[in-house]
Amino acid sequence: MMDYEKLMSRRVQGLAPSGIRRFFDILDTMTDAISLGIGEPDFVTPWHIREAGVYSLEQGFTKYTANAGMTRLRREIAAYLNRRFDLTYDPQGEIFVTVGGSEAIDLCIRAMLDFGDEVIIPAPSFVCYGPLVEMAGGVPVYVETKAENEFRLTAKELREALTPRTKLLVLPFPNNPTGAIMERGDLEAIAEVLRGTEVTVLSDEIYSELTYGQRHVSPANIPELYERTLLVNGFSKSYAMTGWRLGYVCGPREVLRQMIKIHQYGIMSAPTTSQYAAIEALKAGDGDIERMRDSYDRRRRMLLKGFRDLGLECFEPRGAFYMFPSIKSTGLSSEEFCTRFLKEERIAVIPGSAFGPGGEGFARVCYASSTENIETALQRLGGFLERLRGEES
């Protein structure tokens, strides 16, 4: 018998599985449950974008593209970033197209790290950063952000986490799972801390179009951070294109040149059909962004009011499509609360503990779902909380 545990990579075996996945496995066994757990738009990709993909297939555009992506697409990405966020990148050398934002994040980490290098990761945050750092031989250094600071990374917290081995700072804002954002003043304070260091910023901006009440500010908008920022974005959230698997990274051409080498050997090029669809999204999709964001904003305000009416503490999230209410008043751990809520009320939300330090005592609730589902979830939550209070007395 083969002893696979001895044969397989110890580094990979040592990774903990995603804390999110267990809840989806339970959900799969239920036919009557409502999910406010999955971080995916409930919109279908707008028809004009789908049509562009279909037309590319009808025309037989099914060959590989350039490793960095189609020149037309990179030009449209440059025009979009300039139009929407006042950012300037050269399509030839400072932008390249990846298989989703996830590949872009992986490439940034692998291209930057040598064994033992440290990566500062604000937490709670999306589950991929730490494991990708570990698989690249680096050391994740988690900085626990606080609800009283609206889960923003402060200059003081960053300064205390920096060491001579720090190579990379992840800035995952707007944030999954908290909905936190970083404003210009926050980023200027971060820039001051990084002044004189060689630390690179990996800015995951996949939710950049989903901010409420203010325009998204990228670290690359801060002059002192521009040359040290690797900007990752994609089409999944802004255009409801999760299944198309298309993202991109922008930054210094010297760094991107190394990232493209990894991309060449592991991927070759992003899906051709998706690239044609993305060109259409960038050229004619601004209205789609506004329509979907307005809908999310209505649901955001509805859910926030519902939590507060039920007595759950929750800061007002100003980005993404998540809410991060505190469930500490119930006396249950995040895992216990979410497991019971799913099994007893048929509503799926995700334990905050799945998202790293600082997440315990909270739950991630995704409002990329219908208003009917949100209303039902709030009604069932009210009954669930009442029952928990009865158990305490």
Foldseek 3Di string as FASTA:
>chain_A
DDPVVVVDDPLVVPDDPFLLVVLVVVLVVDDPFAELADQAFPDDQDPVLVVLLVVCVVVVVFDFDALQADLLLLVLVQVLCCVQAVDHFDSPQFKGKDQALVLVLLLLLLLFDDAAAEEEEEPLADQPNQSSNSVSNYHYDYQYAAVVVLSADALVSVLVRDDLRHAEYEAEPVGPQALAHADPVRLVSNLVSCPPHNHAYEYECQFQLQFPPDHHHDNCNPVSRVQRYKYKYFCCQQRVPVVQRMIMIGHHSVSVVSSSVVSCVPPNHRGPSSSSSSSCCSVPVPVVSVVSSVVLVVLLVVLVVLCVVLPWDWDRRGIRFKTKTFQVVLVDKLVVVQVCCCVPVSYHWGQLVSSPPNRIRIIIGGSSDDPVSSVSSSVSVSVVSVVSVVVVD
